[in-house]
Every structure is written in structure tokens, then in C-alpha cells.
Amino acid sequence: KANWFRASQYCRYHGMHLASISSQEENDKLEETIRDFGYSYEHFWVSGTDLAEEGQFFWMSTGRPITFTNWNVGEPNNFRYENGEEENCLELWDRDGKGLKWNDSACSFETYFVCEAVP
């Protein structure tokens, strides 16, 4: 487990990057893989972020804007925590038993993450 920044660093150190998701097919395959490993109710960082401009999510791993989305209902909401931190990093999370949906979360939150090979 790691925060979003350390997760990204870990992936790069190992010749990969945090995953990006460009289609429903990719999203479904990733969810299937996570379920096969028995981690379906955990949180997982992927490379999406809106740190550069609030509300403008892009894939840090590719620099491309996010076009396909799978946000959970009411997300992204940029919740602000008592310490002033906002939600600027994208995680996968099965919040309500309806599958892994996208959620913006505080980048400092330590959780699992998904690396993918660099093409």
C-alpha cells in the first residue's frame, strides 16, 4: 500500500506506470483481474488526477485527458477534509457492492495500486 505519489514512483522504478483506463473493456478486464486476486473490496490507485486543474482529470501516465469514465454516483466531488486536503487522485473502489467504480480521493490516502507495463 502507498499514497498516490509513492505508488506512481514505485511503478516507475519497476519500469511501469500507474494504470490508465481508456475503455469499458479495459475497465472490466481490470476489475476481473482484481476480483480474481480476491481484492475486490479494496481501494486501488490508478494514474488519473486533476492536480493540475480542478475538475480536469487526465492520466498522469500518458498525459492524456480522460475521455472514458466510470465514476460512482456523485463523483467526482472534490471533498475537502478538515486538514484542508482535497480529493485530486483517482481510485477504483466498490463502495456499494455494484463493482469497482471511480472515485476521487485524497492523494495522501495509502492503499493498493495498479501498475501497468509501459508500451
C-alpha atoms as a PDB file:
ATOM      1  CA  LYS A   1       0.000   0.000   0.000  1.00  0.00           C
ATOM      2  CA  ALA A   2       1.135   3.542  -0.720  1.00  0.00           C
ATOM      3  CA  ASN A   3      -0.149   7.045  -1.297  1.00  0.00           C
ATOM      4  CA  TRP A   4      -0.745   8.074  -4.910  1.00  0.00           C
ATOM      5  CA  PHE A   5       2.657   9.733  -5.338  1.00  0.00           C
ATOM      6  CA  ARG A   6       4.648   6.826  -3.893  1.00  0.00           C
ATOM      7  CA  ALA A   7       2.553   4.360  -5.884  1.00  0.00           C
ATOM      8  CA  SER A   8       3.449   6.231  -9.071  1.00  0.00           C
ATOM      9  CA  GLN A   9       7.103   6.292  -8.034  1.00  0.00           C
ATOM     10  CA  TYR A  10       7.062   2.540  -7.290  1.00  0.00           C
ATOM     11  CA  CYS A  11       5.606   1.748 -10.701  1.00  0.00           C
ATOM     12  CA  ARG A  12       8.180   3.932 -12.497  1.00  0.00           C
ATOM     13  CA  TYR A  13      11.039   2.380 -10.511  1.00  0.00           C
ATOM     14  CA  HIS A  14       9.928  -1.016 -11.809  1.00  0.00           C
ATOM     15  CA  GLY A  15       9.659   0.151 -15.437  1.00  0.00           C
ATOM     16  CA  MET A  16       5.892   0.600 -15.395  1.00  0.00           C
ATOM     17  CA  HIS A  17       3.392   3.335 -14.613  1.00  0.00           C
ATOM     18  CA  LEU A  18       0.121   3.625 -12.717  1.00  0.00           C
ATOM     19  CA  ALA A  19      -2.643   2.206 -14.883  1.00  0.00           C
ATOM     20  CA  SER A  20      -4.815   4.263 -17.179  1.00  0.00           C
ATOM     21  CA  ILE A  21      -8.215   3.086 -18.410  1.00  0.00           C
ATOM     22  CA  SER A  22      -9.432   4.104 -21.850  1.00  0.00           C
ATOM     23  CA  SER A  23     -12.494   1.895 -22.399  1.00  0.00           C
ATOM     24  CA  GLN A  24     -15.217  -0.113 -20.711  1.00  0.00           C
ATOM     25  CA  GLU A  25     -13.420  -3.247 -21.902  1.00  0.00           C
ATOM     26  CA  GLU A  26     -10.194  -2.230 -20.117  1.00  0.00           C
ATOM     27  CA  ASN A  27     -12.152  -1.271 -17.015  1.00  0.00           C
ATOM     28  CA  ASP A  28     -13.958  -4.633 -16.965  1.00  0.00           C
ATOM     29  CA  LYS A  29     -10.728  -6.596 -17.506  1.00  0.00           C
ATOM     30  CA  LEU A  30      -9.001  -4.738 -14.673  1.00  0.00           C
ATOM     31  CA  GLU A  31     -11.953  -5.358 -12.359  1.00  0.00           C
ATOM     32  CA  GLU A  32     -11.973  -9.050 -13.298  1.00  0.00           C
ATOM     33  CA  THR A  33      -8.243  -9.342 -12.565  1.00  0.00           C
ATOM     34  CA  ILE A  34      -8.626  -7.622  -9.188  1.00  0.00           C
ATOM     35  CA  ARG A  35     -11.547  -9.895  -8.283  1.00  0.00           C
ATOM     36  CA  ASP A  36      -9.549 -12.985  -9.335  1.00  0.00           C
ATOM     37  CA  PHE A  37      -6.891 -11.998  -6.785  1.00  0.00           C
ATOM     38  CA  GLY A  38      -9.569 -11.619  -4.085  1.00  0.00           C
ATOM     39  CA  TYR A  39      -9.176  -7.876  -3.521  1.00  0.00           C
ATOM     40  CA  SER A  40     -12.465  -6.607  -4.940  1.00  0.00           C
ATOM     41  CA  TYR A  41     -13.484  -4.617  -1.850  1.00  0.00           C
ATOM     42  CA  GLU A  42     -10.233  -2.672  -1.512  1.00  0.00           C
ATOM     43  CA  HIS A  43      -9.265   0.701  -2.955  1.00  0.00           C
ATOM     44  CA  PHE A  44      -6.834   0.905  -5.903  1.00  0.00           C
ATOM     45  CA  TRP A  45      -4.948   3.898  -7.242  1.00  0.00           C
ATOM     46  CA  VAL A  46      -4.759   4.412 -10.997  1.00  0.00           C
ATOM     47  CA  SER A  47      -2.983   7.326 -12.701  1.00  0.00           C
ATOM     48  CA  GLY A  48      -5.938   9.716 -13.035  1.00  0.00           C
ATOM     49  CA  THR A  49      -5.624  13.116 -11.360  1.00  0.00           C
ATOM     50  CA  ASP A  50      -6.901  16.677 -11.526  1.00  0.00           C
ATOM     51  CA  LEU A  51      -3.981  18.168  -9.584  1.00  0.00           C
ATOM     52  CA  ALA A  52      -3.116  20.490 -12.495  1.00  0.00           C
ATOM     53  CA  GLU A  53      -6.619  21.982 -12.795  1.00  0.00           C
ATOM     54  CA  GLU A  54      -9.559  21.170 -10.537  1.00  0.00           C
ATOM     55  CA  GLY A  55     -12.185  19.105 -12.342  1.00  0.00           C
ATOM     56  CA  GLN A  56      -9.993  18.435 -15.404  1.00  0.00           C
ATOM     57  CA  PHE A  57      -8.936  14.833 -14.895  1.00  0.00           C
ATOM     58  CA  PHE A  58      -6.156  13.388 -17.025  1.00  0.00           C
ATOM     59  CA  TRP A  59      -3.985  10.279 -16.980  1.00  0.00           C
ATOM     60  CA  MET A  60      -0.658  11.206 -15.409  1.00  0.00           C
ATOM     61  CA  SER A  61       0.894   8.108 -17.004  1.00  0.00           C
ATOM     62  CA  THR A  62       0.138   9.270 -20.557  1.00  0.00           C
ATOM     63  CA  GLY A  63      -0.601  12.989 -20.160  1.00  0.00           C
ATOM     64  CA  ARG A  64      -3.891  12.449 -21.990  1.00  0.00           C
ATOM     65  CA  PRO A  65      -7.266  13.762 -20.844  1.00  0.00           C
ATOM     66  CA  ILE A  66      -9.699  11.189 -19.500  1.00  0.00           C
ATOM     67  CA  THR A  67     -12.380  10.511 -22.100  1.00  0.00           C
ATOM     68  CA  PHE A  68     -13.936   7.225 -20.924  1.00  0.00           C
ATOM     69  CA  THR A  69     -15.255   7.450 -17.344  1.00  0.00           C
ATOM     70  CA  ASN A  70     -16.809   5.094 -14.811  1.00  0.00           C
ATOM     71  CA  TRP A  71     -17.456   7.434 -11.859  1.00  0.00           C
ATOM     72  CA  ASN A  72     -19.565   6.292  -8.951  1.00  0.00           C
ATOM     73  CA  VAL A  73     -22.785   8.241  -8.381  1.00  0.00           C
ATOM     74  CA  GLY A  74     -21.980  11.711  -7.034  1.00  0.00           C
ATOM     75  CA  GLU A  75     -18.311  11.523  -8.022  1.00  0.00           C
ATOM     76  CA  PRO A  76     -16.001  13.238  -8.507  1.00  0.00           C
ATOM     77  CA  ASN A  77     -16.955  15.533  -5.633  1.00  0.00           C
ATOM     78  CA  ASN A  78     -13.585  17.027  -4.571  1.00  0.00           C
ATOM     79  CA  PHE A  79     -14.413  16.533  -0.895  1.00  0.00           C
ATOM     80  CA  ARG A  80     -12.347  18.787   1.373  1.00  0.00           C
ATOM     81  CA  TYR A  81     -11.023  17.222   4.587  1.00  0.00           C
ATOM     82  CA  GLU A  82     -10.615  19.006   7.929  1.00  0.00           C
ATOM     83  CA  ASN A  83      -6.881  19.378   7.250  1.00  0.00           C
ATOM     84  CA  GLY A  84      -7.679  21.238   4.025  1.00  0.00           C
ATOM     85  CA  GLU A  85      -6.689  18.412   1.694  1.00  0.00           C
ATOM     86  CA  GLU A  86      -8.945  17.912  -1.309  1.00  0.00           C
ATOM     87  CA  GLU A  87      -9.644  14.838  -3.407  1.00  0.00           C
ATOM     88  CA  ASN A  88      -7.497  15.066  -6.530  1.00  0.00           C
ATOM     89  CA  CYS A  89      -6.450  11.482  -7.311  1.00  0.00           C
ATOM     90  CA  LEU A  90      -8.462   8.717  -8.943  1.00  0.00           C
ATOM     91  CA  GLU A  91      -9.081   5.390  -7.237  1.00  0.00           C
ATOM     92  CA  LEU A  92     -11.157   2.336  -8.029  1.00  0.00           C
ATOM     93  CA  TRP A  93     -13.477   1.348  -5.190  1.00  0.00           C
ATOM     94  CA  ASP A  94     -16.504  -0.897  -4.768  1.00  0.00           C
ATOM     95  CA  ARG A  95     -18.348   1.459  -2.421  1.00  0.00           C
ATOM     96  CA  ASP A  96     -21.776  -0.148  -2.615  1.00  0.00           C
ATOM     97  CA  GLY A  97     -21.346  -3.690  -3.942  1.00  0.00           C
ATOM     98  CA  LYS A  98     -22.001  -2.645  -7.556  1.00  0.00           C
ATOM     99  CA  GLY A  99     -18.470  -3.199  -8.808  1.00  0.00           C
ATOM    100  CA  LEU A 100     -15.320  -1.127  -8.917  1.00  0.00           C
ATOM    101  CA  LYS A 101     -16.316   2.429  -9.758  1.00  0.00           C
ATOM    102  CA  TRP A 102     -14.196   5.549  -9.962  1.00  0.00           C
ATOM    103  CA  ASN A 103     -13.840   7.890  -7.017  1.00  0.00           C
ATOM    104  CA  ASP A 104     -11.715  10.950  -6.413  1.00  0.00           C
ATOM    105  CA  SER A 105      -9.813  10.627  -3.159  1.00  0.00           C
ATOM    106  CA  ALA A 106      -7.119  12.387  -1.157  1.00  0.00           C
ATOM    107  CA  CYS A 107      -3.770  11.641  -2.804  1.00  0.00           C
ATOM    108  CA  SER A 108      -2.215  11.024   0.628  1.00  0.00           C
ATOM    109  CA  PHE A 109      -4.520   8.050   1.310  1.00  0.00           C
ATOM    110  CA  GLU A 110      -2.448   4.844   1.457  1.00  0.00           C
ATOM    111  CA  THR A 111      -3.982   1.968  -0.437  1.00  0.00           C
ATOM    112  CA  TYR A 112      -3.331  -0.648  -3.099  1.00  0.00           C
ATOM    113  CA  PHE A 113      -2.453   0.442  -6.629  1.00  0.00           C
ATOM    114  CA  VAL A 114      -2.310  -0.932 -10.150  1.00  0.00           C
ATOM    115  CA  CYS A 115       0.827  -0.669 -12.279  1.00  0.00           C
ATOM    116  CA  GLU A 116       0.870  -1.472 -15.980  1.00  0.00           C
ATOM    117  CA  ALA A 117       3.704  -2.111 -18.391  1.00  0.00           C
ATOM    118  CA  VAL A 118       4.909   0.831 -20.446  1.00  0.00           C
ATOM    119  CA  PRO A 119       4.243   0.080 -24.139  1.00  0.00           C
END
